[in-house]
Amino acid sequence: MALLTDDMDIKTAFFRVAYGGNGDYYPEIIYKDRKGKKQRINVRIAMSGGNAPPEVKRAIAELYRALEKHKLNEHPLDEPERWPNVL
């Protein structure tokens, strides 16, 4: 599963970090908008070049590994049986 927000009383949202075949990381938030449509916001952290300083690149890689280690990095849409009323 993805990391579920601790603010479910406000909005149900999931956070994960995708890893691209190009070696870049894509932190993303997945949520339902007010009309019930599934939405996602993500950003690309380029590991070769890009705008992020080396410390940020290392931090996002460590975050990805930690989420993977604790099985908190799956896309919630890949688990519809777990979230039938959420997503």
PDB file of N, CA and C in Angstrom:
ATOM      1  N   MET A   1       0.833  -1.184   0.000  1.00  0.00           N
ATOM      2  CA  MET A   1       0.000   0.000   0.000  1.00  0.00           C
ATOM      3  C   MET A   1       0.872   1.240   0.000  1.00  0.00           C
ATOM      4  N   ALA A   2       0.295   2.327  -0.373  1.00  0.00           N
ATOM      5  CA  ALA A   2       0.987   3.614  -0.288  1.00  0.00           C
ATOM      6  C   ALA A   2       0.833   4.159   1.128  1.00  0.00           C
ATOM      7  N   LEU A   3       1.583   5.165   1.444  1.00  0.00           N
ATOM      8  CA  LEU A   3       1.489   5.797   2.757  1.00  0.00           C
ATOM      9  C   LEU A   3       0.231   6.657   2.797  1.00  0.00           C
ATOM     10  N   LEU A   4      -0.694   6.313   3.681  1.00  0.00           N
ATOM     11  CA  LEU A   4      -1.964   7.018   3.816  1.00  0.00           C
ATOM     12  C   LEU A   4      -1.792   8.203   4.747  1.00  0.00           C
ATOM     13  N   THR A   5      -2.389   9.331   4.407  1.00  0.00           N
ATOM     14  CA  THR A   5      -2.296  10.527   5.232  1.00  0.00           C
ATOM     15  C   THR A   5      -2.821  10.273   6.643  1.00  0.00           C
ATOM     16  N   ASP A   6      -2.306  11.005   7.591  1.00  0.00           N
ATOM     17  CA  ASP A   6      -2.827  10.968   8.954  1.00  0.00           C
ATOM     18  C   ASP A   6      -3.948  11.983   9.144  1.00  0.00           C
ATOM     19  N   ASP A   7      -4.309  12.708   8.093  1.00  0.00           N
ATOM     20  CA  ASP A   7      -5.381  13.701   8.128  1.00  0.00           C
ATOM     21  C   ASP A   7      -6.625  13.213   7.381  1.00  0.00           C
ATOM     22  N   MET A   8      -7.013  11.964   7.596  1.00  0.00           N
ATOM     23  CA  MET A   8      -8.162  11.421   6.866  1.00  0.00           C
ATOM     24  C   MET A   8      -9.456  12.152   7.192  1.00  0.00           C
ATOM     25  N   ASP A   9      -9.499  12.862   8.310  1.00  0.00           N
ATOM     26  CA  ASP A   9     -10.709  13.623   8.635  1.00  0.00           C
ATOM     27  C   ASP A   9     -10.855  14.834   7.714  1.00  0.00           C
ATOM     28  N   ILE A  10      -9.776  15.230   7.058  1.00  0.00           N
ATOM     29  CA  ILE A  10      -9.808  16.357   6.134  1.00  0.00           C
ATOM     30  C   ILE A  10      -9.908  15.872   4.694  1.00  0.00           C
ATOM     31  N   LYS A  11      -9.024  14.968   4.307  1.00  0.00           N
ATOM     32  CA  LYS A  11      -8.989  14.447   2.947  1.00  0.00           C
ATOM     33  C   LYS A  11      -8.232  13.126   2.952  1.00  0.00           C
ATOM     34  N   THR A  12      -8.677  12.191   2.154  1.00  0.00           N
ATOM     35  CA  THR A  12      -7.953  10.948   2.013  1.00  0.00           C
ATOM     36  C   THR A  12      -6.954  11.112   0.877  1.00  0.00           C
ATOM     37  N   ALA A  13      -5.697  10.955   1.190  1.00  0.00           N
ATOM     38  CA  ALA A  13      -4.643  11.082   0.203  1.00  0.00           C
ATOM     39  C   ALA A  13      -3.554  10.064   0.510  1.00  0.00           C
ATOM     40  N   PHE A  14      -2.906   9.626  -0.534  1.00  0.00           N
ATOM     41  CA  PHE A  14      -1.814   8.666  -0.422  1.00  0.00           C
ATOM     42  C   PHE A  14      -0.544   9.299  -0.963  1.00  0.00           C
ATOM     43  N   PHE A  15       0.597   8.944  -0.355  1.00  0.00           N
ATOM     44  CA  PHE A  15       1.886   9.432  -0.814  1.00  0.00           C
ATOM     45  C   PHE A  15       2.764   8.238  -1.157  1.00  0.00           C
ATOM     46  N   ARG A  16       3.474   8.355  -2.259  1.00  0.00           N
ATOM     47  CA  ARG A  16       4.444   7.329  -2.635  1.00  0.00           C
ATOM     48  C   ARG A  16       5.522   7.982  -3.471  1.00  0.00           C
ATOM     49  N   VAL A  17       6.594   7.233  -3.706  1.00  0.00           N
ATOM     50  CA  VAL A  17       7.666   7.695  -4.581  1.00  0.00           C
ATOM     51  C   VAL A  17       7.858   6.627  -5.648  1.00  0.00           C
ATOM     52  N   ALA A  18       7.563   6.975  -6.886  1.00  0.00           N
ATOM     53  CA  ALA A  18       7.768   6.047  -7.994  1.00  0.00           C
ATOM     54  C   ALA A  18       9.215   6.167  -8.468  1.00  0.00           C
ATOM     55  N   TYR A  19       9.718   5.073  -8.999  1.00  0.00           N
ATOM     56  CA  TYR A  19      11.074   5.052  -9.536  1.00  0.00           C
ATOM     57  C   TYR A  19      10.977   4.769 -11.023  1.00  0.00           C
ATOM     58  N   GLY A  20      11.486   5.669 -11.832  1.00  0.00           N
ATOM     59  CA  GLY A  20      11.395   5.518 -13.277  1.00  0.00           C
ATOM     60  C   GLY A  20      12.512   4.663 -13.844  1.00  0.00           C
ATOM     61  N   GLY A  21      12.254   4.072 -14.985  1.00  0.00           N
ATOM     62  CA  GLY A  21      13.265   3.278 -15.672  1.00  0.00           C
ATOM     63  C   GLY A  21      14.468   4.107 -16.086  1.00  0.00           C
ATOM     64  N   ASN A  22      14.319   5.413 -16.050  1.00  0.00           N
ATOM     65  CA  ASN A  22      15.404   6.322 -16.399  1.00  0.00           C
ATOM     66  C   ASN A  22      16.279   6.666 -15.193  1.00  0.00           C
ATOM     67  N   GLY A  23      15.950   6.113 -14.004  1.00  0.00           N
ATOM     68  CA  GLY A  23      16.729   6.375 -12.793  1.00  0.00           C
ATOM     69  C   GLY A  23      16.262   7.565 -11.992  1.00  0.00           C
ATOM     70  N   ASP A  24      15.219   8.234 -12.453  1.00  0.00           N
ATOM     71  CA  ASP A  24      14.682   9.386 -11.737  1.00  0.00           C
ATOM     72  C   ASP A  24      13.592   8.958 -10.763  1.00  0.00           C
ATOM     73  N   TYR A  25      13.351   9.788  -9.757  1.00  0.00           N
ATOM     74  CA  TYR A  25      12.315   9.532  -8.763  1.00  0.00           C
ATOM     75  C   TYR A  25      11.155  10.491  -8.984  1.00  0.00           C
ATOM     76  N   TYR A  26       9.952  10.010  -8.678  1.00  0.00           N
ATOM     77  CA  TYR A  26       8.735  10.789  -8.884  1.00  0.00           C
ATOM     78  C   TYR A  26       7.869  10.738  -7.627  1.00  0.00           C
ATOM     79  N   PRO A  27       8.087  11.637  -6.651  1.00  0.00           N
ATOM     80  CA  PRO A  27       7.191  11.689  -5.498  1.00  0.00           C
ATOM     81  C   PRO A  27       5.793  12.079  -5.979  1.00  0.00           C
ATOM     82  N   GLU A  28       4.775  11.404  -5.452  1.00  0.00           N
ATOM     83  CA  GLU A  28       3.418  11.722  -5.892  1.00  0.00           C
ATOM     84  C   GLU A  28       2.401  11.578  -4.777  1.00  0.00           C
ATOM     85  N   ILE A  29       1.350  12.359  -4.905  1.00  0.00           N
ATOM     86  CA  ILE A  29       0.196  12.294  -4.015  1.00  0.00           C
ATOM     87  C   ILE A  29      -0.994  11.902  -4.870  1.00  0.00           C
ATOM     88  N   ILE A  30      -1.761  10.909  -4.400  1.00  0.00           N
ATOM     89  CA  ILE A  30      -2.945  10.431  -5.099  1.00  0.00           C
ATOM     90  C   ILE A  30      -4.143  10.705  -4.195  1.00  0.00           C
ATOM     91  N   TYR A  31      -5.196  11.296  -4.745  1.00  0.00           N
ATOM     92  CA  TYR A  31      -6.364  11.651  -3.944  1.00  0.00           C
ATOM     93  C   TYR A  31      -7.591  11.752  -4.842  1.00  0.00           C
ATOM     94  N   LYS A  32      -8.747  11.857  -4.221  1.00  0.00           N
ATOM     95  CA  LYS A  32      -9.990  12.124  -4.942  1.00  0.00           C
ATOM     96  C   LYS A  32     -10.328  13.595  -4.785  1.00  0.00           C
ATOM     97  N   ASP A  33     -10.710  14.230  -5.892  1.00  0.00           N
ATOM     98  CA  ASP A  33     -11.101  15.633  -5.795  1.00  0.00           C
ATOM     99  C   ASP A  33     -12.547  15.742  -5.298  1.00  0.00           C
ATOM    100  N   ARG A  34     -13.053  16.957  -5.210  1.00  0.00           N
ATOM    101  CA  ARG A  34     -14.404  17.173  -4.667  1.00  0.00           C
ATOM    102  C   ARG A  34     -15.495  16.528  -5.502  1.00  0.00           C
ATOM    103  N   LYS A  35     -15.210  16.294  -6.772  1.00  0.00           N
ATOM    104  CA  LYS A  35     -16.187  15.645  -7.650  1.00  0.00           C
ATOM    105  C   LYS A  35     -16.033  14.127  -7.661  1.00  0.00           C
ATOM    106  N   GLY A  36     -15.071  13.623  -6.886  1.00  0.00           N
ATOM    107  CA  GLY A  36     -14.873  12.184  -6.792  1.00  0.00           C
ATOM    108  C   GLY A  36     -13.938  11.616  -7.846  1.00  0.00           C
ATOM    109  N   LYS A  37     -13.324  12.479  -8.631  1.00  0.00           N
ATOM    110  CA  LYS A  37     -12.401  12.026  -9.664  1.00  0.00           C
ATOM    111  C   LYS A  37     -11.014  11.794  -9.064  1.00  0.00           C
ATOM    112  N   LYS A  38     -10.388  10.671  -9.421  1.00  0.00           N
ATOM    113  CA  LYS A  38      -9.049  10.373  -8.928  1.00  0.00           C
ATOM    114  C   LYS A  38      -8.044  11.334  -9.561  1.00  0.00           C
ATOM    115  N   GLN A  39      -7.190  11.890  -8.715  1.00  0.00           N
ATOM    116  CA  GLN A  39      -6.187  12.842  -9.168  1.00  0.00           C
ATOM    117  C   GLN A  39      -4.830  12.445  -8.616  1.00  0.00           C
ATOM    118  N   ARG A  40      -3.801  12.942  -9.268  1.00  0.00           N
ATOM    119  CA  ARG A  40      -2.462  12.757  -8.711  1.00  0.00           C
ATOM    120  C   ARG A  40      -1.611  13.959  -9.073  1.00  0.00           C
ATOM    121  N   ILE A  41      -0.725  14.260  -8.167  1.00  0.00           N
ATOM    122  CA  ILE A  41       0.248  15.333  -8.358  1.00  0.00           C
ATOM    123  C   ILE A  41       1.606  14.688  -8.171  1.00  0.00           C
ATOM    124  N   ASN A  42       2.488  14.880  -9.140  1.00  0.00           N
ATOM    125  CA  ASN A  42       3.835  14.351  -8.946  1.00  0.00           C
ATOM    126  C   ASN A  42       4.861  15.321  -9.492  1.00  0.00           C
ATOM    127  N   VAL A  43       6.073  15.133  -9.037  1.00  0.00           N
ATOM    128  CA  VAL A  43       7.195  15.919  -9.523  1.00  0.00           C
ATOM    129  C   VAL A  43       8.324  14.953  -9.877  1.00  0.00           C
ATOM    130  N   ARG A  44       9.150  15.384 -10.803  1.00  0.00           N
ATOM    131  CA  ARG A  44      10.291  14.559 -11.210  1.00  0.00           C
ATOM    132  C   ARG A  44      11.550  15.100 -10.546  1.00  0.00           C
ATOM    133  N   ILE A  45      12.282  14.207  -9.913  1.00  0.00           N
ATOM    134  CA  ILE A  45      13.584  14.539  -9.357  1.00  0.00           C
ATOM    135  C   ILE A  45      14.617  13.843 -10.240  1.00  0.00           C
ATOM    136  N   ALA A  46      15.234  14.601 -11.141  1.00  0.00           N
ATOM    137  CA  ALA A  46      16.235  14.042 -12.052  1.00  0.00           C
ATOM    138  C   ALA A  46      17.508  13.735 -11.277  1.00  0.00           C
ATOM    139  N   MET A  47      18.013  12.530 -11.446  1.00  0.00           N
ATOM    140  CA  MET A  47      19.203  12.134 -10.704  1.00  0.00           C
ATOM    141  C   MET A  47      20.491  12.488 -11.434  1.00  0.00           C
ATOM    142  N   SER A  48      20.413  12.696 -12.735  1.00  0.00           N
ATOM    143  CA  SER A  48      21.597  13.175 -13.469  1.00  0.00           C
ATOM    144  C   SER A  48      21.254  14.565 -13.994  1.00  0.00           C
ATOM    145  N   GLY A  49      21.925  15.549 -13.464  1.00  0.00           N
ATOM    146  CA  GLY A  49      21.569  16.919 -13.804  1.00  0.00           C
ATOM    147  C   GLY A  49      20.360  17.335 -12.989  1.00  0.00           C
ATOM    148  N   GLY A  50      19.518  18.151 -13.560  1.00  0.00           N
ATOM    149  CA  GLY A  50      18.301  18.568 -12.886  1.00  0.00           C
ATOM    150  C   GLY A  50      18.525  19.709 -11.911  1.00  0.00           C
ATOM    151  N   ASN A  51      17.438  20.083 -11.237  1.00  0.00           N
ATOM    152  CA  ASN A  51      17.449  21.244 -10.338  1.00  0.00           C
ATOM    153  C   ASN A  51      17.790  20.933  -8.888  1.00  0.00           C
ATOM    154  N   ALA A  52      17.645  19.681  -8.484  1.00  0.00           N
ATOM    155  CA  ALA A  52      17.814  19.338  -7.074  1.00  0.00           C
ATOM    156  C   ALA A  52      19.295  19.265  -6.680  1.00  0.00           C
ATOM    157  N   PRO A  53      19.631  19.802  -5.498  1.00  0.00           N
ATOM    158  CA  PRO A  53      21.007  19.660  -5.016  1.00  0.00           C
ATOM    159  C   PRO A  53      21.272  18.207  -4.599  1.00  0.00           C
ATOM    160  N   PRO A  54      22.539  17.817  -4.503  1.00  0.00           N
ATOM    161  CA  PRO A  54      22.878  16.430  -4.169  1.00  0.00           C
ATOM    162  C   PRO A  54      22.218  15.932  -2.885  1.00  0.00           C
ATOM    163  N   GLU A  55      22.080  16.789  -1.871  1.00  0.00           N
ATOM    164  CA  GLU A  55      21.467  16.356  -0.607  1.00  0.00           C
ATOM    165  C   GLU A  55      20.012  15.949  -0.819  1.00  0.00           C
ATOM    166  N   VAL A  56      19.304  16.662  -1.666  1.00  0.00           N
ATOM    167  CA  VAL A  56      17.900  16.337  -1.951  1.00  0.00           C
ATOM    168  C   VAL A  56      17.821  15.030  -2.725  1.00  0.00           C
ATOM    169  N   LYS A  57      18.717  14.827  -3.663  1.00  0.00           N
ATOM    170  CA  LYS A  57      18.738  13.575  -4.434  1.00  0.00           C
ATOM    171  C   LYS A  57      18.979  12.379  -3.525  1.00  0.00           C
ATOM    172  N   ARG A  58      19.928  12.528  -2.600  1.00  0.00           N
ATOM    173  CA  ARG A  58      20.180  11.432  -1.652  1.00  0.00           C
ATOM    174  C   ARG A  58      18.966  11.200  -0.757  1.00  0.00           C
ATOM    175  N   ALA A  59      18.340  12.278  -0.306  1.00  0.00           N
ATOM    176  CA  ALA A  59      17.186  12.161   0.593  1.00  0.00           C
ATOM    177  C   ALA A  59      16.016  11.468  -0.100  1.00  0.00           C
ATOM    178  N   ILE A  60      15.734  11.817  -1.356  1.00  0.00           N
ATOM    179  CA  ILE A  60      14.602  11.191  -2.041  1.00  0.00           C
ATOM    180  C   ILE A  60      14.897   9.714  -2.301  1.00  0.00           C
ATOM    181  N   ALA A  61      16.153   9.377  -2.587  1.00  0.00           N
ATOM    182  CA  ALA A  61      16.518   7.968  -2.774  1.00  0.00           C
ATOM    183  C   ALA A  61      16.349   7.199  -1.464  1.00  0.00           C
ATOM    184  N   GLU A  62      16.746   7.801  -0.344  1.00  0.00           N
ATOM    185  CA  GLU A  62      16.574   7.161   0.962  1.00  0.00           C
ATOM    186  C   GLU A  62      15.099   7.015   1.323  1.00  0.00           C
ATOM    187  N   LEU A  63      14.305   8.024   1.021  1.00  0.00           N
ATOM    188  CA  LEU A  63      12.867   7.940   1.269  1.00  0.00           C
ATOM    189  C   LEU A  63      12.255   6.812   0.457  1.00  0.00           C
ATOM    190  N   TYR A  64      12.622   6.711  -0.805  1.00  0.00           N
ATOM    191  CA  TYR A  64      12.130   5.619  -1.653  1.00  0.00           C
ATOM    192  C   TYR A  64      12.473   4.267  -1.029  1.00  0.00           C
ATOM    193  N   ARG A  65      13.724   4.089  -0.613  1.00  0.00           N
ATOM    194  CA  ARG A  65      14.141   2.806  -0.016  1.00  0.00           C
ATOM    195  C   ARG A  65      13.379   2.522   1.278  1.00  0.00           C
ATOM    196  N   ALA A  66      13.159   3.538   2.101  1.00  0.00           N
ATOM    197  CA  ALA A  66      12.421   3.341   3.358  1.00  0.00           C
ATOM    198  C   ALA A  66      10.969   2.950   3.083  1.00  0.00           C
ATOM    199  N   LEU A  67      10.322   3.617   2.138  1.00  0.00           N
ATOM    200  CA  LEU A  67       8.942   3.262   1.791  1.00  0.00           C
ATOM    201  C   LEU A  67       8.868   1.842   1.256  1.00  0.00           C
ATOM    202  N   GLU A  68       9.822   1.459   0.418  1.00  0.00           N
ATOM    203  CA  GLU A  68       9.864   0.091  -0.110  1.00  0.00           C
ATOM    204  C   GLU A  68      10.056  -0.923   1.023  1.00  0.00           C
ATOM    205  N   LYS A  69      10.995  -0.644   1.909  1.00  0.00           N
ATOM    206  CA  LYS A  69      11.301  -1.552   3.017  1.00  0.00           C
ATOM    207  C   LYS A  69      10.067  -1.835   3.869  1.00  0.00           C
ATOM    208  N   HIS A  70       9.255  -0.815   4.096  1.00  0.00           N
ATOM    209  CA  HIS A  70       8.082  -0.959   4.951  1.00  0.00           C
ATOM    210  C   HIS A  70       6.795  -1.220   4.166  1.00  0.00           C
ATOM    211  N   LYS A  71       6.962  -1.538   2.882  1.00  0.00           N
ATOM    212  CA  LYS A  71       5.828  -1.859   2.001  1.00  0.00           C
ATOM    213  C   LYS A  71       4.780  -0.737   1.982  1.00  0.00           C
ATOM    214  N   LEU A  72       5.269   0.498   1.907  1.00  0.00           N
ATOM    215  CA  LEU A  72       4.399   1.666   1.869  1.00  0.00           C
ATOM    216  C   LEU A  72       4.524   2.415   0.545  1.00  0.00           C
ATOM    217  N   ASN A  73       4.912   1.697  -0.505  1.00  0.00           N
ATOM    218  CA  ASN A  73       5.174   2.378  -1.758  1.00  0.00           C
ATOM    219  C   ASN A  73       4.361   1.835  -2.924  1.00  0.00           C
ATOM    220  N   GLU A  74       3.369   1.019  -2.654  1.00  0.00           N
ATOM    221  CA  GLU A  74       2.514   0.513  -3.725  1.00  0.00           C
ATOM    222  C   GLU A  74       1.531   1.583  -4.153  1.00  0.00           C
ATOM    223  N   HIS A  75       1.148   1.544  -5.386  1.00  0.00           N
ATOM    224  CA  HIS A  75       0.144   2.493  -5.875  1.00  0.00           C
ATOM    225  C   HIS A  75      -1.215   2.052  -5.322  1.00  0.00           C
ATOM    226  N   PRO A  76      -1.960   2.945  -4.648  1.00  0.00           N
ATOM    227  CA  PRO A  76      -3.239   2.521  -4.049  1.00  0.00           C
ATOM    228  C   PRO A  76      -4.248   2.027  -5.081  1.00  0.00           C
ATOM    229  N   LEU A  77      -4.142   2.462  -6.321  1.00  0.00           N
ATOM    230  CA  LEU A  77      -5.069   1.984  -7.343  1.00  0.00           C
ATOM    231  C   LEU A  77      -4.784   0.542  -7.734  1.00  0.00           C
ATOM    232  N   ASP A  78      -3.617   0.026  -7.347  1.00  0.00           N
ATOM    233  CA  ASP A  78      -3.301  -1.385  -7.577  1.00  0.00           C
ATOM    234  C   ASP A  78      -3.927  -2.269  -6.510  1.00  0.00           C
ATOM    235  N   GLU A  79      -4.564  -1.665  -5.512  1.00  0.00           N
ATOM    236  CA  GLU A  79      -5.188  -2.399  -4.414  1.00  0.00           C
ATOM    237  C   GLU A  79      -6.642  -1.962  -4.233  1.00  0.00           C
ATOM    238  N   PRO A  80      -7.466  -2.032  -5.257  1.00  0.00           N
ATOM    239  CA  PRO A  80      -8.830  -1.508  -5.127  1.00  0.00           C
ATOM    240  C   PRO A  80      -9.644  -2.217  -4.050  1.00  0.00           C
ATOM    241  N   GLU A  81      -9.316  -3.461  -3.765  1.00  0.00           N
ATOM    242  CA  GLU A  81     -10.064  -4.187  -2.725  1.00  0.00           C
ATOM    243  C   GLU A  81      -9.810  -3.604  -1.339  1.00  0.00           C
ATOM    244  N   ARG A  82      -8.668  -2.973  -1.139  1.00  0.00           N
ATOM    245  CA  ARG A  82      -8.364  -2.350   0.160  1.00  0.00           C
ATOM    246  C   ARG A  82      -9.035  -1.024   0.335  1.00  0.00           C
ATOM    247  N   TRP A  83      -9.345  -0.330  -0.773  1.00  0.00           N
ATOM    248  CA  TRP A  83      -9.845   1.025  -0.705  1.00  0.00           C
ATOM    249  C   TRP A  83     -11.145   1.188  -1.504  1.00  0.00           C
ATOM    250  N   PRO A  84     -12.120   0.312  -1.320  1.00  0.00           N
ATOM    251  CA  PRO A  84     -13.328   0.389  -2.165  1.00  0.00           C
ATOM    252  C   PRO A  84     -14.100   1.690  -2.004  1.00  0.00           C
ATOM    253  N   ASN A  85     -14.074   2.290  -0.838  1.00  0.00           N
ATOM    254  CA  ASN A  85     -14.833   3.522  -0.609  1.00  0.00           C
ATOM    255  C   ASN A  85     -13.965   4.780  -0.657  1.00  0.00           C
ATOM    256  N   VAL A  86     -12.680   4.584  -0.926  1.00  0.00           N
ATOM    257  CA  VAL A  86     -11.758   5.711  -0.927  1.00  0.00           C
ATOM    258  C   VAL A  86     -11.353   6.063  -2.350  1.00  0.00           C
ATOM    259  N   LEU A  87     -10.842   5.080  -3.083  1.00  0.00           N
ATOM    260  CA  LEU A  87     -10.434   5.294  -4.464  1.00  0.00           C
ATOM    261  C   LEU A  87     -11.265   4.386  -5.317  1.00  0.00           C
TER     262      LEU A  87
END
